[in-house]
Structures are given as structure tokens and as C-alpha cells.
Amino acid sequence: MQVIMLGMLGLIFAGSLVLWLPFCRTGDMTYIDALFTSASAVCLTGLTTVKIAQSFNVVGQIVVLLLIQVGGLGIMTFATLLLMLLRKKFTLKDRLVMQEALGSEQNKGVVRLTRDIARFTFAVEGCGFLLLLIPFIKAAGAKGAYFALFTAVSAFCNAGMTLFGNSLTDYGANPFVVLPIALLIILGGLGFVVAADMGRYRFSVKKYHLHSKIALAATAALLFFGTVVFYLCERNNPDTLGGANFGYTLMNAFFEAVTLRTAGFQTLNQSALTAPSKLFSFILMFIGGSPGSAAGGIKTTTVAVLLLMLMAGLRRKSEIVVFKREVSHKTCVKAAATLMAGLLIVSLAAFLLLVIQHPSEFDTEAVVFEAVSAFSTVGVSEGITPLLTTGGKVIVIFAMFFGKTGAITVGSIMFSGGGSEAVRYPEGNVSVG
């Protein structure tokens, strides 16, 4: 994993240097803003301290798009594709690194899996481009084709970046824009393991891996309950969905449930949401998408395992069983550790932001919203991102990086080698709960 982390860091810094060059931008820009943009693109977050369309010319925008694409595919996947194009042979070490990056159980077939991932990515992005082509050309003329390509890649990679100054608020009433983007976000947030099962077994769900079953069930539940919650909480809010017809209200409530889990596109003003909706937004952002996908957060399967642990604890059972399969103790421990690590990073980021930023500039709610959005690589903001100080921007960059690489991954690298798993100690009783 050190190779992957170093690769991400290298890409972020290389991207920032390129974006900072005069031929990529339209005017003056500080290096920290270029670094922030590069980190947000590679980490697929979408938070920006500058407007992409106004601050970068076409060259800079293409650089941002390439950073998003590499971040969506993954460093090792992209490197593997380059080696395949150069017809280089893969060593055992290369295959082991690829296996770890893809989360595969064995290194056999990882090269083919990488190729399939690339094909799936480009195929879905291509379909999304075609679906968005007509509405964007109608709205922006010939430039609409460029906007459609940028938006399709950004949506599938769950980056949330657009070339529009106010995200997608101008297209909130257009189902031919909102629904294709929502579908791209969902597919990008399911993960390649789930996509492989769906492609291989079609509707034979019984043949899916346990991971895929849990990820699909959790995603469906979050989308359904998210839509219901946003619909009920915002239908009478005059600043968001109040006064709109049923179709518009339902579509945008559904889009909120989709985008707030990881993507960051906005058809509604997030700062105008009701208090219950904002609280539910925190939950959706923190959960995020599924493992092995472009999404961030602590992941859907993590929350599913934690809920299963809770149900087993209430029933005083030690076995965690779902879909006629038992979840291992190791998986349960990792799920609990992921939750605690996520809470720790978000709390620390929010605390440091409140310390660094001037108290009168932002309220606590907006800062916590920013911290959760950064860690979960969502990219939705209450409008405070461009107002952050240099120190605040650095904190958000670290939160985005830890959210993308995974808090457990970073922690395991920092604290590896601290002891031997072969040593076993007597059990002791600890009262909890």
C-alpha cells in the first residue's frame, strides 16, 4: 500500500505544479489553490477554492479531467494500462501490488481484471456522455459536447466537479440531465467487484459474492430511505423544493440521496436545507459508497456489518450471519476500526478548522459539514471552501487524502510491525455497554 499512497501523493503534487503553470490558468493563482484543486480532483472530492471554468483555461480543465480519470481508475490500474500499452511484462511484485490495489483475493488474473475495469469505466462514461450530449448541446451549443464529456467522467468517478459556476442548479428541472448523472454516480459508487458480478451473472443474484449482495442491499436501502427523508423534509421548504410539482420534488429528493453519499453535484442550495435534512446529509456523506469504487466514506458494507453486529448483540449471539453466510471476526473488527478512525479524522479536522478559522466567519455546522464532506470525498459545501485560510485549506487537503486512501490503510502503514500475531495472551473480562 505504500506504493499506492506514494503514487497518489506524487500525482497530486505533479498535478498541482502543472495547474500552477501560466499556460493552464487564466489569471493569478496561489500555489495552495492549485494544490487544493489537484488534491480534490485526484481524491475525487469536488471541493474547490476556485471556479474551474473561470480560473483554468481549456488546457487546465483537461488536466483536471485527467486527474479525475486517473483518480477514478486508481493509480495502479492506470499504471497497469500504460504498461500494457507499452507491452511490458508484469513481474510477480507488480501483480502483488495490483492485487492489493484492486482488493483481489489472488494475484492470478489481476491483469485481466484491470483490463476489464478500464473497459467498464470507459464504456459507462461513454454512455453517459451520449446521454448528456443532447441536453447540454441544446443549452450551450457546440461547447455542450465538451461539457457532456467532462460531466460524464466527473459523475462516474464521483468527483462532483463541473464547468458550471453553480454546479447543476440550472438543470434541476431537466430529467435528461439529472437522472443520467444520478445513474453514473450510482454505478461509479458500487465498485468493480459488484459490477463484475452484475455483468457475469446478470439477474442471478444468488450467484453474486457476499460482498456484492451486501453492497447492493445497503445501496438500495440508502437510496430509498434517503429519497423519502429528503422528500418529507424539503417538500414544504420554500428555499429548496417547496411549491414545486410532485415530479420535480421527487426527482431532486432522489438526486440528493444519490449525490450526498459521495458525488458532490448540487441541484439544490445545501445551506438552505432544513435542519433534519442537514443532519441526514451528515449520515449519508459519512457512509459514502461501496469498497473498491470511486466513492469515499466509511463504505456501505462497513455500516451493514456494524448493523449486523448490533442485531447479533441484541440477540446475544456471537455469530454474524447474512445471506446464509457467516461474517468473519476479522471483518467485524475492521468495520469497527473503520468507524472509529473515520469519526476521529472528521472530529480532528473539524476541531482544527474551528481553531484556525476566525470564529465570526463560519458557524460550527458549516465547518463540520466541510470536514465530513472532505473526508467522505463528497464535495458538497455550504459555501465556505473558497473562504478558507491557507491553514484551513491544508487541513481539508489532508482530510481528502485520508478519506480517499482510507484511514485504516494509513494507520496500518504507520503502525505496522508493532507486534507479532503469533503471540496469544489469556482473555480478560471487560464490561461494556
Protein backbone atom coordinates (compact mmCIF):
# COMPACT_ATOMS: atom_id res chain seq x y z
CA MET A 1 0.00 0.00 0.00
CA GLN A 2 2.99 2.32 0.43
CA VAL A 3 3.42 2.27 -3.35
CA ILE A 4 -0.19 3.33 -3.87
CA MET A 5 -0.01 6.11 -1.30
CA LEU A 6 3.24 7.45 -2.70
CA GLY A 7 1.78 7.24 -6.19
CA MET A 8 -1.23 9.32 -5.11
CA LEU A 9 0.96 11.89 -3.40
CA GLY A 10 3.21 12.10 -6.45
CA LEU A 11 0.23 12.56 -8.75
CA ILE A 12 -1.27 15.27 -6.52
CA PHE A 13 1.96 17.29 -6.41
CA ALA A 14 2.68 16.78 -10.10
CA GLY A 15 -0.86 17.87 -10.96
CA SER A 16 -0.58 20.94 -8.74
CA LEU A 17 2.64 22.04 -10.44
CA VAL A 18 1.11 21.65 -13.89
CA LEU A 19 -2.07 23.52 -12.90
CA TRP A 20 0.04 26.32 -11.43
CA LEU A 21 1.84 26.91 -14.74
CA PRO A 22 0.71 30.05 -16.62
CA PHE A 23 -0.48 28.15 -19.70
CA CYS A 24 -3.08 26.29 -17.59
CA ARG A 25 -4.76 29.20 -15.84
CA THR A 26 -6.49 32.36 -16.89
CA GLY A 27 -5.05 34.65 -14.21
CA ASP A 28 -3.11 34.79 -10.98
CA MET A 29 -3.41 31.86 -8.62
CA THR A 30 -1.63 30.88 -5.42
CA TYR A 31 0.11 27.53 -5.31
CA ILE A 32 -2.09 26.36 -2.42
CA ASP A 33 -5.17 26.79 -4.63
CA ALA A 34 -3.52 24.74 -7.40
CA LEU A 35 -2.56 22.09 -4.84
CA PHE A 36 -6.09 22.08 -3.41
CA THR A 37 -7.62 21.65 -6.88
CA SER A 38 -5.23 18.82 -7.75
CA ALA A 39 -5.87 17.02 -4.45
CA SER A 40 -9.63 17.42 -4.83
CA ALA A 41 -9.51 16.03 -8.38
CA VAL A 42 -7.25 13.03 -7.59
CA CYS A 43 -9.17 12.24 -4.39
CA LEU A 44 -12.45 12.60 -6.34
CA THR A 45 -13.85 15.07 -3.85
CA GLY A 46 -15.06 18.08 -5.80
CA LEU A 47 -14.41 20.78 -3.21
CA THR A 48 -12.78 23.77 -4.90
CA THR A 49 -11.36 27.05 -3.67
CA VAL A 50 -11.55 28.47 -7.22
CA LYS A 51 -14.06 28.06 -10.04
CA ILE A 52 -12.76 25.51 -12.55
CA ALA A 53 -14.30 27.16 -15.60
CA GLN A 54 -13.18 30.70 -14.71
CA SER A 55 -9.75 30.02 -13.18
CA PHE A 56 -8.44 27.48 -15.71
CA ASN A 57 -8.37 27.61 -19.49
CA VAL A 58 -9.15 24.58 -21.67
CA VAL A 59 -5.66 23.13 -21.08
CA GLY A 60 -6.04 23.42 -17.31
CA GLN A 61 -9.54 21.97 -17.43
CA ILE A 62 -8.29 18.97 -19.41
CA VAL A 63 -5.53 18.47 -16.82
CA VAL A 64 -8.19 18.46 -14.08
CA LEU A 65 -10.24 15.96 -16.10
CA LEU A 66 -7.22 13.67 -16.50
CA LEU A 67 -6.52 13.86 -12.77
CA ILE A 68 -10.13 12.87 -12.09
CA GLN A 69 -9.90 9.96 -14.54
CA VAL A 70 -6.67 8.63 -13.05
CA GLY A 71 -8.09 9.02 -9.56
CA GLY A 72 -11.23 7.16 -10.61
CA LEU A 73 -9.39 4.28 -12.23
CA GLY A 74 -6.80 4.14 -9.46
CA ILE A 75 -3.06 4.71 -9.64
CA MET A 76 -2.17 1.05 -10.12
CA THR A 77 -4.91 0.44 -12.68
CA PHE A 78 -3.74 3.40 -14.74
CA ALA A 79 -0.08 2.35 -14.44
CA THR A 80 -1.00 -1.18 -15.49
CA LEU A 81 -2.80 0.11 -18.56
CA LEU A 82 0.28 2.10 -19.54
CA LEU A 83 2.49 -0.98 -19.15
CA MET A 84 0.04 -2.99 -21.23
CA LEU A 85 0.17 -0.36 -23.99
CA LEU A 86 3.98 -0.47 -23.87
CA ARG A 87 3.80 -4.29 -23.97
CA LYS A 88 5.84 -4.65 -20.79
CA LYS A 89 5.90 -7.93 -18.87
CA PHE A 90 4.48 -7.98 -15.35
CA THR A 91 6.67 -9.30 -12.56
CA LEU A 92 5.33 -11.13 -9.51
CA LYS A 93 5.92 -7.97 -7.46
CA ASP A 94 3.82 -5.97 -9.94
CA ARG A 95 0.99 -8.49 -9.66
CA LEU A 96 1.08 -8.45 -5.85
CA VAL A 97 0.82 -4.65 -5.79
CA MET A 98 -2.05 -4.78 -8.29
CA GLN A 99 -3.77 -7.45 -6.21
CA GLU A 100 -3.60 -5.24 -3.11
CA ALA A 101 -4.81 -2.17 -5.00
CA LEU A 102 -7.80 -3.99 -6.52
CA GLY A 103 -8.69 -5.87 -3.35
CA SER A 104 -8.48 -9.18 -5.20
CA GLU A 105 -8.20 -12.41 -3.24
CA GLN A 106 -5.46 -13.76 -5.53
CA ASN A 107 -2.90 -12.31 -7.92
CA LYS A 108 -3.92 -14.67 -10.70
CA GLY A 109 -5.96 -12.84 -13.29
CA VAL A 110 -5.36 -9.33 -11.89
CA VAL A 111 -4.07 -8.09 -15.25
CA ARG A 112 -7.27 -9.26 -16.96
CA LEU A 113 -9.32 -7.74 -14.12
CA THR A 114 -7.53 -4.43 -14.61
CA ARG A 115 -8.34 -4.50 -18.31
CA ASP A 116 -11.98 -5.28 -17.57
CA ILE A 117 -12.15 -2.40 -15.09
CA ALA A 118 -10.84 0.01 -17.72
CA ARG A 119 -13.30 -1.27 -20.32
CA PHE A 120 -16.21 -0.97 -17.91
CA THR A 121 -15.17 2.54 -16.88
CA PHE A 122 -14.79 3.88 -20.42
CA ALA A 123 -17.98 2.13 -21.60
CA VAL A 124 -20.13 3.64 -18.83
CA GLU A 125 -18.55 7.07 -19.23
CA GLY A 126 -19.12 6.85 -22.98
CA CYS A 127 -22.80 6.01 -22.49
CA GLY A 128 -23.13 8.85 -20.00
CA PHE A 129 -21.52 11.23 -22.50
CA LEU A 130 -24.04 10.25 -25.17
CA LEU A 131 -26.98 10.66 -22.79
CA LEU A 132 -25.83 14.13 -21.73
CA LEU A 133 -24.83 15.25 -25.21
CA ILE A 134 -28.23 16.42 -26.47
CA PRO A 135 -29.41 18.40 -23.41
CA PHE A 136 -26.03 20.11 -23.00
CA ILE A 137 -25.75 20.98 -26.70
CA LYS A 138 -29.27 22.43 -26.56
CA ALA A 139 -28.24 24.55 -23.58
CA ALA A 140 -24.69 25.56 -24.55
CA GLY A 141 -24.31 24.94 -28.28
CA ALA A 142 -21.16 23.23 -29.58
CA LYS A 143 -19.47 23.61 -26.18
CA GLY A 144 -22.12 21.28 -24.82
CA ALA A 145 -20.21 18.26 -26.14
CA TYR A 146 -17.19 19.25 -24.06
CA PHE A 147 -19.39 19.89 -21.03
CA ALA A 148 -21.05 16.48 -21.51
CA LEU A 149 -17.69 14.68 -21.59
CA PHE A 150 -16.34 16.48 -18.53
CA THR A 151 -19.55 15.93 -16.55
CA ALA A 152 -19.86 12.24 -17.51
CA VAL A 153 -16.32 11.45 -16.36
CA SER A 154 -16.73 13.53 -13.20
CA ALA A 155 -20.06 11.85 -12.39
CA PHE A 156 -18.92 8.25 -12.85
CA CYS A 157 -15.73 8.94 -10.90
CA ASN A 158 -17.88 10.55 -8.19
CA ALA A 159 -15.74 13.69 -8.37
CA GLY A 160 -18.57 16.23 -8.43
CA MET A 161 -16.65 18.83 -10.42
CA THR A 162 -18.42 20.71 -13.19
CA LEU A 163 -17.66 23.52 -15.62
CA PHE A 164 -20.79 25.35 -14.45
CA GLY A 165 -20.44 28.10 -11.89
CA ASN A 166 -23.33 26.88 -9.73
CA SER A 167 -22.98 23.12 -10.22
CA LEU A 168 -26.23 21.68 -11.64
CA THR A 169 -28.74 24.10 -10.13
CA ASP A 170 -29.68 25.37 -13.61
CA TYR A 171 -30.54 21.81 -14.69
CA GLY A 172 -32.50 20.74 -11.61
CA ALA A 173 -35.76 20.58 -13.59
CA ASN A 174 -34.26 18.63 -16.52
CA PRO A 175 -34.67 14.84 -16.04
CA PHE A 176 -32.46 14.19 -19.09
CA VAL A 177 -29.56 15.68 -17.12
CA VAL A 178 -30.38 14.83 -13.52
CA LEU A 179 -31.26 11.14 -13.98
CA PRO A 180 -28.30 10.13 -16.23
CA ILE A 181 -25.89 11.82 -13.82
CA ALA A 182 -27.56 10.05 -10.89
CA LEU A 183 -27.16 6.71 -12.68
CA LEU A 184 -23.48 7.41 -13.39
CA ILE A 185 -22.90 8.26 -9.73
CA ILE A 186 -24.60 5.07 -8.55
CA LEU A 187 -22.64 2.85 -10.95
CA GLY A 188 -19.39 4.56 -10.00
CA GLY A 189 -20.14 4.09 -6.31
CA LEU A 190 -20.98 0.38 -6.42
CA GLY A 191 -17.44 -0.84 -7.03
CA PHE A 192 -15.87 -3.01 -9.70
CA VAL A 193 -16.43 -6.29 -7.83
CA VAL A 194 -20.19 -5.62 -7.82
CA ALA A 195 -20.07 -4.53 -11.48
CA ALA A 196 -18.23 -7.74 -12.40
CA ASP A 197 -20.87 -9.87 -10.66
CA MET A 198 -23.69 -7.97 -12.35
CA GLY A 199 -22.03 -8.39 -15.73
CA ARG A 200 -21.24 -12.06 -15.22
CA TYR A 201 -24.42 -13.31 -13.56
CA ARG A 202 -26.95 -10.68 -14.69
CA PHE A 203 -30.09 -11.12 -12.57
CA SER A 204 -28.97 -14.37 -10.86
CA VAL A 205 -28.38 -12.60 -7.57
CA LYS A 206 -27.88 -15.89 -5.72
CA LYS A 207 -24.58 -16.35 -7.59
CA TYR A 208 -23.23 -12.97 -6.50
CA HIS A 209 -20.40 -12.75 -3.98
CA LEU A 210 -21.49 -11.94 -0.43
CA HIS A 211 -19.79 -8.55 -0.76
CA SER A 212 -21.89 -7.69 -3.80
CA LYS A 213 -25.14 -8.74 -2.13
CA ILE A 214 -24.46 -6.59 0.94
CA ALA A 215 -23.28 -3.62 -1.14
CA LEU A 216 -26.35 -3.72 -3.39
CA ALA A 217 -28.77 -4.15 -0.47
CA ALA A 218 -27.17 -1.32 1.51
CA THR A 219 -27.11 0.99 -1.53
CA ALA A 220 -30.77 0.32 -2.33
CA ALA A 221 -31.79 0.94 1.29
CA LEU A 222 -29.84 4.22 1.48
CA LEU A 223 -31.30 5.47 -1.80
CA PHE A 224 -34.86 4.59 -0.80
CA PHE A 225 -34.78 6.00 2.73
CA GLY A 226 -32.71 8.98 1.59
CA THR A 227 -35.29 9.90 -1.04
CA VAL A 228 -38.14 9.55 1.45
CA VAL A 229 -36.38 11.66 4.10
CA PHE A 230 -35.44 14.49 1.73
CA TYR A 231 -38.90 14.48 0.17
CA LEU A 232 -40.68 14.72 3.50
CA CYS A 233 -38.27 17.28 4.98
CA GLU A 234 -37.95 19.58 1.95
CA ARG A 235 -41.34 19.47 0.21
CA ASN A 236 -42.57 22.46 2.25
CA ASN A 237 -39.26 24.34 2.32
CA PRO A 238 -39.66 27.41 0.05
CA ASP A 239 -35.87 27.71 -0.35
CA THR A 240 -35.47 24.22 -1.85
CA LEU A 241 -38.44 22.11 -3.01
CA GLY A 242 -41.40 23.97 -1.55
CA GLY A 243 -44.06 24.88 -4.09
CA ALA A 244 -42.68 22.63 -6.83
CA ASN A 245 -44.69 19.91 -8.55
CA PHE A 246 -44.52 16.29 -7.39
CA GLY A 247 -42.25 15.10 -10.21
CA TYR A 248 -39.65 17.82 -9.66
CA THR A 249 -39.73 17.33 -5.89
CA LEU A 250 -39.36 13.55 -6.06
CA MET A 251 -36.58 13.69 -8.67
CA ASN A 252 -34.50 16.19 -6.72
CA ALA A 253 -35.09 14.38 -3.44
CA PHE A 254 -33.78 11.23 -5.13
CA PHE A 255 -30.80 13.15 -6.54
CA GLU A 256 -29.96 14.47 -3.07
CA ALA A 257 -29.95 10.90 -1.74
CA VAL A 258 -27.58 9.94 -4.57
CA THR A 259 -25.17 12.84 -4.69
CA LEU A 260 -24.77 13.41 -0.95
CA ARG A 261 -23.33 9.94 -0.47
CA THR A 262 -20.19 10.72 -2.45
CA ALA A 263 -20.56 12.78 -5.62
CA GLY A 264 -20.98 16.43 -4.69
CA PHE A 265 -23.14 17.68 -7.56
CA GLN A 266 -25.81 20.10 -6.43
CA THR A 267 -29.26 20.87 -7.78
CA LEU A 268 -30.30 22.48 -4.50
CA ASN A 269 -28.68 25.05 -2.22
CA GLN A 270 -27.24 22.90 0.58
CA SER A 271 -27.14 25.76 3.08
CA ALA A 272 -30.91 26.21 2.62
CA LEU A 273 -31.79 22.65 3.66
CA THR A 274 -33.85 22.15 6.79
CA ALA A 275 -32.12 21.05 9.99
CA PRO A 276 -33.33 17.41 9.73
CA SER A 277 -32.10 17.22 6.13
CA LYS A 278 -28.68 18.56 7.09
CA LEU A 279 -28.37 16.01 9.88
CA PHE A 280 -29.33 13.23 7.49
CA SER A 281 -26.83 14.65 4.97
CA PHE A 282 -24.06 14.15 7.54
CA ILE A 283 -25.04 10.50 7.88
CA LEU A 284 -25.21 9.84 4.13
CA MET A 285 -21.89 11.57 3.47
CA PHE A 286 -20.14 9.73 6.27
CA ILE A 287 -21.37 6.36 4.98
CA GLY A 288 -20.41 7.02 1.35
CA GLY A 289 -20.31 4.34 -1.34
CA SER A 290 -19.02 0.79 -1.60
CA PRO A 291 -15.44 -0.53 -1.30
CA GLY A 292 -13.41 -0.81 -4.49
CA SER A 293 -15.30 2.07 -6.08
CA ALA A 294 -14.64 5.74 -6.72
CA ALA A 295 -16.71 6.63 -3.66
CA GLY A 296 -15.46 7.74 -0.28
CA GLY A 297 -16.84 7.48 3.26
CA ILE A 298 -16.55 4.55 5.62
CA LYS A 299 -18.42 2.49 2.98
CA THR A 300 -21.82 0.82 2.77
CA THR A 301 -20.56 -2.65 3.67
CA THR A 302 -18.90 -1.29 6.82
CA VAL A 303 -22.19 0.13 8.06
CA ALA A 304 -24.03 -3.05 7.08
CA VAL A 305 -21.61 -5.20 9.10
CA LEU A 306 -21.89 -2.84 12.08
CA LEU A 307 -25.69 -3.05 11.99
CA LEU A 308 -25.47 -6.84 11.77
CA MET A 309 -23.17 -6.79 14.80
CA LEU A 310 -25.71 -4.66 16.65
CA MET A 311 -28.54 -7.05 15.82
CA ALA A 312 -26.44 -10.02 16.87
CA GLY A 313 -25.56 -8.26 20.14
CA LEU A 314 -29.20 -7.51 20.90
CA ARG A 315 -29.99 -11.17 20.32
CA ARG A 316 -26.97 -12.19 22.42
CA LYS A 317 -25.49 -14.17 19.54
CA SER A 318 -21.79 -14.37 18.72
CA GLU A 319 -22.21 -15.33 15.04
CA ILE A 320 -22.90 -12.67 12.40
CA VAL A 321 -24.94 -14.33 9.65
CA VAL A 322 -26.28 -12.70 6.48
CA PHE A 323 -27.45 -14.27 3.20
CA LYS A 324 -26.69 -17.71 4.69
CA ARG A 325 -23.03 -16.79 5.17
CA GLU A 326 -21.16 -16.01 8.39
CA VAL A 327 -19.16 -12.79 8.56
CA SER A 328 -15.67 -13.36 9.96
CA HIS A 329 -14.49 -11.87 13.25
CA LYS A 330 -11.66 -10.15 11.38
CA THR A 331 -14.17 -8.32 9.16
CA CYS A 332 -16.16 -7.17 12.20
CA VAL A 333 -13.03 -5.80 13.87
CA LYS A 334 -12.06 -3.96 10.68
CA ALA A 335 -15.57 -2.47 10.39
CA ALA A 336 -15.44 -1.17 13.96
CA ALA A 337 -11.93 0.21 13.45
CA THR A 338 -13.01 1.93 10.21
CA LEU A 339 -15.90 3.63 12.00
CA MET A 340 -13.73 4.86 14.85
CA ALA A 341 -10.94 6.02 12.52
CA GLY A 342 -13.45 7.94 10.40
CA LEU A 343 -15.01 9.62 13.43
CA LEU A 344 -11.55 10.51 14.73
CA ILE A 345 -10.40 12.11 11.47
CA VAL A 346 -13.63 14.06 10.96
CA SER A 347 -13.63 15.30 14.56
CA LEU A 348 -9.97 16.29 14.40
CA ALA A 349 -10.40 18.06 11.05
CA ALA A 350 -13.48 19.97 12.26
CA PHE A 351 -11.74 20.91 15.53
CA LEU A 352 -8.63 22.22 13.75
CA LEU A 353 -10.75 24.17 11.26
CA LEU A 354 -12.65 25.82 14.11
CA VAL A 355 -9.35 26.72 15.79
CA ILE A 356 -7.69 28.10 12.65
CA GLN A 357 -10.62 29.91 11.04
CA HIS A 358 -11.90 33.18 12.52
CA PRO A 359 -14.90 32.39 14.76
CA SER A 360 -17.09 35.04 13.16
CA GLU A 361 -16.62 33.69 9.61
CA PHE A 362 -18.28 30.27 9.89
CA ASP A 363 -20.59 28.57 12.30
CA THR A 364 -19.89 25.13 13.71
CA GLU A 365 -22.44 23.44 11.48
CA ALA A 366 -20.80 24.68 8.26
CA VAL A 367 -17.33 23.63 9.45
CA VAL A 368 -18.47 20.13 10.44
CA PHE A 369 -20.27 19.86 7.10
CA GLU A 370 -17.00 20.77 5.35
CA ALA A 371 -14.97 18.25 7.36
CA VAL A 372 -17.38 15.38 6.71
CA SER A 373 -17.60 16.31 3.03
CA ALA A 374 -13.81 16.36 2.68
CA PHE A 375 -13.19 13.06 4.48
CA SER A 376 -16.00 11.32 2.64
CA THR A 377 -14.79 12.84 -0.66
CA VAL A 378 -18.30 14.18 -1.31
CA GLY A 379 -17.52 17.73 -2.34
CA VAL A 380 -20.74 19.36 -1.15
CA SER A 381 -20.23 22.56 0.80
CA GLU A 382 -22.22 25.31 2.45
CA GLY A 383 -20.08 27.79 0.54
CA ILE A 384 -17.13 28.19 2.92
CA THR A 385 -14.45 26.41 0.84
CA PRO A 386 -13.22 29.48 -1.10
CA LEU A 387 -13.08 31.44 2.19
CA LEU A 388 -10.73 29.03 3.96
CA THR A 389 -7.34 30.32 5.10
CA THR A 390 -4.15 28.64 3.93
CA GLY A 391 -4.09 26.55 7.10
CA GLY A 392 -7.73 25.58 6.61
CA LYS A 393 -7.04 24.51 3.04
CA VAL A 394 -4.15 22.30 4.18
CA ILE A 395 -6.38 20.62 6.77
CA VAL A 396 -9.07 19.91 4.16
CA ILE A 397 -6.40 18.53 1.78
CA PHE A 398 -5.24 16.07 4.43
CA ALA A 399 -8.87 15.11 5.18
CA MET A 400 -9.49 14.43 1.48
CA PHE A 401 -6.30 12.36 1.19
CA PHE A 402 -7.07 10.25 4.26
CA GLY A 403 -10.63 9.80 3.06
CA LYS A 404 -9.50 8.60 -0.36
CA THR A 405 -6.71 6.27 0.78
CA GLY A 406 -8.63 5.03 3.80
CA ALA A 407 -7.91 5.80 7.43
CA ILE A 408 -7.23 2.14 8.21
CA THR A 409 -4.75 1.91 5.33
CA VAL A 410 -2.83 4.94 6.53
CA GLY A 411 -2.89 3.71 10.12
CA SER A 412 -1.72 0.21 9.23
CA ILE A 413 1.25 1.66 7.36
CA MET A 414 2.16 3.99 10.22
CA PHE A 415 1.85 1.40 12.97
CA SER A 416 2.81 -1.82 11.17
CA GLY A 417 5.41 -4.03 12.73
CA GLY A 418 4.45 -3.17 16.28
CA GLY A 419 3.97 -6.76 17.42
CA SER A 420 3.61 -10.40 16.45
CA GLU A 421 0.26 -12.01 15.75
CA ALA A 422 1.74 -15.36 16.80
CA VAL A 423 1.74 -14.29 20.47
CA ARG A 424 -1.55 -15.05 22.24
CA TYR A 425 -2.50 -13.83 25.71
CA PRO A 426 -5.11 -15.02 28.20
CA GLU A 427 -8.55 -13.49 27.82
CA GLY A 428 -9.76 -10.91 30.34
CA ASN A 429 -13.27 -9.68 31.04
CA VAL A 430 -14.20 -6.07 30.26
CA SER A 431 -17.64 -4.67 30.98
CA VAL A 432 -19.04 -2.71 28.03
CA GLY A 433 -22.43 -1.26 27.12
